[in-house]
Amino acid sequence: MNTLKLLGILGATMAYLFIIISILASPWFDFYNNALSDLGNAVSHAPTSWIFNLGLFLSGLLVTSLHYHYL
């Protein structure tokens, strides 16, 4: 049960951690002029988009694995 709690907490915080890292690595990003999804656009912002996309992917995997346990 403790492992499941850890998966839930890690899955939730991992997304925020990678979003913050990708914001800090993108000097062009501005909260007033850009959406968070702009960070994941691989065409126009390729050097830092993998950080954002990888974080969301890994977070989704952890949350999905937690979800399948409760089915």
N, C-alpha and C. Protein backbone atom coordinates (compact mmCIF):
# COMPACT_ATOMS: atom_id res chain seq x y z
N MET A 1 0.82 -1.20 0.00
CA MET A 1 0.00 0.00 0.00
C MET A 1 0.86 1.26 0.00
N ASN A 2 1.99 1.23 0.69
CA ASN A 2 2.86 2.40 0.72
C ASN A 2 3.44 2.71 -0.66
N THR A 3 3.69 1.67 -1.45
CA THR A 3 4.19 1.88 -2.80
C THR A 3 3.15 2.58 -3.65
N LEU A 4 1.89 2.24 -3.46
CA LEU A 4 0.82 2.90 -4.22
C LEU A 4 0.70 4.37 -3.85
N LYS A 5 0.81 4.67 -2.58
CA LYS A 5 0.78 6.07 -2.15
C LYS A 5 1.94 6.84 -2.76
N LEU A 6 3.10 6.20 -2.80
CA LEU A 6 4.27 6.84 -3.38
C LEU A 6 4.07 7.09 -4.87
N LEU A 7 3.47 6.13 -5.58
CA LEU A 7 3.18 6.32 -7.01
C LEU A 7 2.26 7.51 -7.23
N GLY A 8 1.25 7.64 -6.42
CA GLY A 8 0.32 8.76 -6.56
C GLY A 8 0.97 10.10 -6.30
N ILE A 9 1.73 10.16 -5.23
CA ILE A 9 2.41 11.42 -4.88
C ILE A 9 3.47 11.77 -5.91
N LEU A 10 4.26 10.78 -6.30
CA LEU A 10 5.32 11.00 -7.28
C LEU A 10 4.73 11.38 -8.65
N GLY A 11 3.66 10.72 -9.04
CA GLY A 11 3.03 11.03 -10.32
C GLY A 11 2.49 12.45 -10.37
N ALA A 12 1.92 12.90 -9.26
CA ALA A 12 1.37 14.26 -9.21
C ALA A 12 2.47 15.32 -9.18
N THR A 13 3.51 15.08 -8.41
CA THR A 13 4.55 16.10 -8.27
C THR A 13 5.53 16.10 -9.44
N MET A 14 5.68 14.97 -10.11
CA MET A 14 6.62 14.89 -11.22
C MET A 14 6.23 15.84 -12.36
N ALA A 15 4.95 15.91 -12.65
CA ALA A 15 4.50 16.81 -13.71
C ALA A 15 4.87 18.25 -13.38
N TYR A 16 4.60 18.68 -12.16
CA TYR A 16 4.91 20.05 -11.77
C TYR A 16 6.41 20.32 -11.79
N LEU A 17 7.19 19.35 -11.36
CA LEU A 17 8.64 19.51 -11.35
C LEU A 17 9.18 19.71 -12.76
N PHE A 18 8.74 18.88 -13.71
CA PHE A 18 9.22 19.00 -15.07
C PHE A 18 8.70 20.28 -15.74
N ILE A 19 7.50 20.71 -15.39
CA ILE A 19 6.98 21.98 -15.93
C ILE A 19 7.84 23.14 -15.44
N ILE A 20 8.18 23.14 -14.17
CA ILE A 20 9.02 24.22 -13.62
C ILE A 20 10.41 24.20 -14.26
N ILE A 21 10.98 23.02 -14.43
CA ILE A 21 12.30 22.92 -15.06
C ILE A 21 12.25 23.42 -16.50
N SER A 22 11.20 23.06 -17.24
CA SER A 22 11.11 23.51 -18.63
C SER A 22 10.86 25.02 -18.72
N ILE A 23 10.15 25.59 -17.77
CA ILE A 23 9.97 27.05 -17.75
C ILE A 23 11.30 27.74 -17.49
N LEU A 24 12.06 27.22 -16.54
CA LEU A 24 13.36 27.82 -16.22
C LEU A 24 14.36 27.68 -17.36
N ALA A 25 14.22 26.62 -18.15
CA ALA A 25 15.13 26.39 -19.27
C ALA A 25 14.70 27.12 -20.54
N SER A 26 13.56 27.79 -20.50
CA SER A 26 13.04 28.48 -21.68
C SER A 26 12.97 29.98 -21.41
N PRO A 27 13.98 30.72 -21.78
CA PRO A 27 13.97 32.16 -21.50
C PRO A 27 12.90 32.92 -22.28
N TRP A 28 12.38 32.36 -23.35
CA TRP A 28 11.36 33.01 -24.16
C TRP A 28 9.97 32.91 -23.54
N PHE A 29 9.78 32.00 -22.57
CA PHE A 29 8.44 31.74 -22.03
C PHE A 29 8.01 32.86 -21.09
N ASP A 30 6.76 33.31 -21.29
CA ASP A 30 6.16 34.34 -20.45
C ASP A 30 4.74 33.90 -20.12
N PHE A 31 4.37 33.95 -18.84
CA PHE A 31 3.04 33.50 -18.43
C PHE A 31 1.92 34.33 -19.06
N TYR A 32 2.19 35.56 -19.38
CA TYR A 32 1.16 36.45 -19.92
C TYR A 32 0.99 36.30 -21.43
N ASN A 33 2.00 35.81 -22.12
CA ASN A 33 1.94 35.72 -23.58
C ASN A 33 1.93 34.30 -24.12
N ASN A 34 2.22 33.31 -23.29
CA ASN A 34 2.32 31.93 -23.75
C ASN A 34 1.45 31.01 -22.89
N ALA A 35 1.01 29.93 -23.51
CA ALA A 35 0.32 28.87 -22.77
C ALA A 35 1.35 27.81 -22.36
N LEU A 36 1.03 27.03 -21.35
CA LEU A 36 1.96 25.97 -20.93
C LEU A 36 2.20 24.97 -22.05
N SER A 37 1.21 24.76 -22.89
CA SER A 37 1.38 23.81 -24.00
C SER A 37 2.42 24.29 -25.01
N ASP A 38 2.74 25.57 -25.02
CA ASP A 38 3.80 26.07 -25.90
C ASP A 38 5.15 25.47 -25.53
N LEU A 39 5.32 25.09 -24.28
CA LEU A 39 6.58 24.48 -23.85
C LEU A 39 6.81 23.11 -24.49
N GLY A 40 5.74 22.44 -24.88
CA GLY A 40 5.86 21.11 -25.47
C GLY A 40 5.84 21.09 -26.97
N ASN A 41 5.83 22.25 -27.60
CA ASN A 41 5.80 22.33 -29.07
C ASN A 41 7.19 22.02 -29.62
N ALA A 42 7.33 20.83 -30.18
CA ALA A 42 8.64 20.37 -30.66
C ALA A 42 9.08 21.06 -31.94
N VAL A 43 8.15 21.66 -32.65
CA VAL A 43 8.52 22.31 -33.92
C VAL A 43 9.19 23.65 -33.66
N SER A 44 8.58 24.48 -32.84
CA SER A 44 9.14 25.82 -32.66
C SER A 44 10.09 25.94 -31.46
N HIS A 45 10.02 25.02 -30.53
CA HIS A 45 10.87 25.09 -29.34
C HIS A 45 11.50 23.74 -29.05
N ALA A 46 12.19 23.19 -30.02
CA ALA A 46 12.72 21.83 -29.93
C ALA A 46 13.73 21.60 -28.81
N PRO A 47 14.64 22.51 -28.52
CA PRO A 47 15.66 22.19 -27.50
C PRO A 47 15.09 21.91 -26.11
N THR A 48 14.01 22.56 -25.72
CA THR A 48 13.47 22.37 -24.38
C THR A 48 12.14 21.63 -24.35
N SER A 49 11.57 21.34 -25.50
CA SER A 49 10.25 20.69 -25.51
C SER A 49 10.31 19.27 -24.96
N TRP A 50 11.44 18.59 -25.11
CA TRP A 50 11.54 17.21 -24.62
C TRP A 50 11.44 17.15 -23.10
N ILE A 51 11.88 18.19 -22.40
CA ILE A 51 11.79 18.22 -20.94
C ILE A 51 10.31 18.22 -20.52
N PHE A 52 9.55 19.11 -21.12
CA PHE A 52 8.13 19.23 -20.81
C PHE A 52 7.39 17.95 -21.17
N ASN A 53 7.61 17.45 -22.38
CA ASN A 53 6.89 16.26 -22.85
C ASN A 53 7.27 15.01 -22.07
N LEU A 54 8.54 14.85 -21.74
CA LEU A 54 8.98 13.69 -20.96
C LEU A 54 8.35 13.70 -19.57
N GLY A 55 8.29 14.86 -18.96
CA GLY A 55 7.69 14.96 -17.63
C GLY A 55 6.22 14.59 -17.63
N LEU A 56 5.49 15.07 -18.62
CA LEU A 56 4.07 14.72 -18.69
C LEU A 56 3.88 13.24 -19.00
N PHE A 57 4.73 12.69 -19.85
CA PHE A 57 4.64 11.27 -20.20
C PHE A 57 4.90 10.39 -18.97
N LEU A 58 5.99 10.67 -18.25
CA LEU A 58 6.32 9.87 -17.07
C LEU A 58 5.28 10.02 -15.97
N SER A 59 4.79 11.22 -15.80
CA SER A 59 3.74 11.44 -14.81
C SER A 59 2.48 10.66 -15.18
N GLY A 60 2.15 10.66 -16.45
CA GLY A 60 0.98 9.90 -16.90
C GLY A 60 1.15 8.41 -16.70
N LEU A 61 2.36 7.90 -16.91
CA LEU A 61 2.60 6.48 -16.67
C LEU A 61 2.41 6.11 -15.20
N LEU A 62 2.92 6.93 -14.32
CA LEU A 62 2.79 6.64 -12.90
C LEU A 62 1.33 6.70 -12.44
N VAL A 63 0.61 7.71 -12.88
CA VAL A 63 -0.79 7.84 -12.48
C VAL A 63 -1.63 6.72 -13.10
N THR A 64 -1.32 6.32 -14.32
CA THR A 64 -2.04 5.22 -14.96
C THR A 64 -1.78 3.90 -14.25
N SER A 65 -0.55 3.66 -13.82
CA SER A 65 -0.25 2.43 -13.10
C SER A 65 -0.98 2.40 -11.76
N LEU A 66 -1.13 3.54 -11.12
CA LEU A 66 -1.90 3.62 -9.89
C LEU A 66 -3.37 3.36 -10.17
N HIS A 67 -3.87 3.88 -11.26
CA HIS A 67 -5.27 3.70 -11.62
C HIS A 67 -5.60 2.23 -11.89
N TYR A 68 -4.73 1.54 -12.60
CA TYR A 68 -4.99 0.13 -12.93
C TYR A 68 -5.01 -0.75 -11.69
N HIS A 69 -4.35 -0.35 -10.64
CA HIS A 69 -4.39 -1.12 -9.41
C HIS A 69 -5.79 -1.09 -8.80
N TYR A 70 -6.47 0.05 -8.92
CA TYR A 70 -7.78 0.22 -8.29
C TYR A 70 -8.94 -0.24 -9.16
N LEU A 71 -8.68 -0.75 -10.36
CA LEU A 71 -9.77 -1.25 -11.20
C LEU A 71 -10.25 -2.59 -10.75
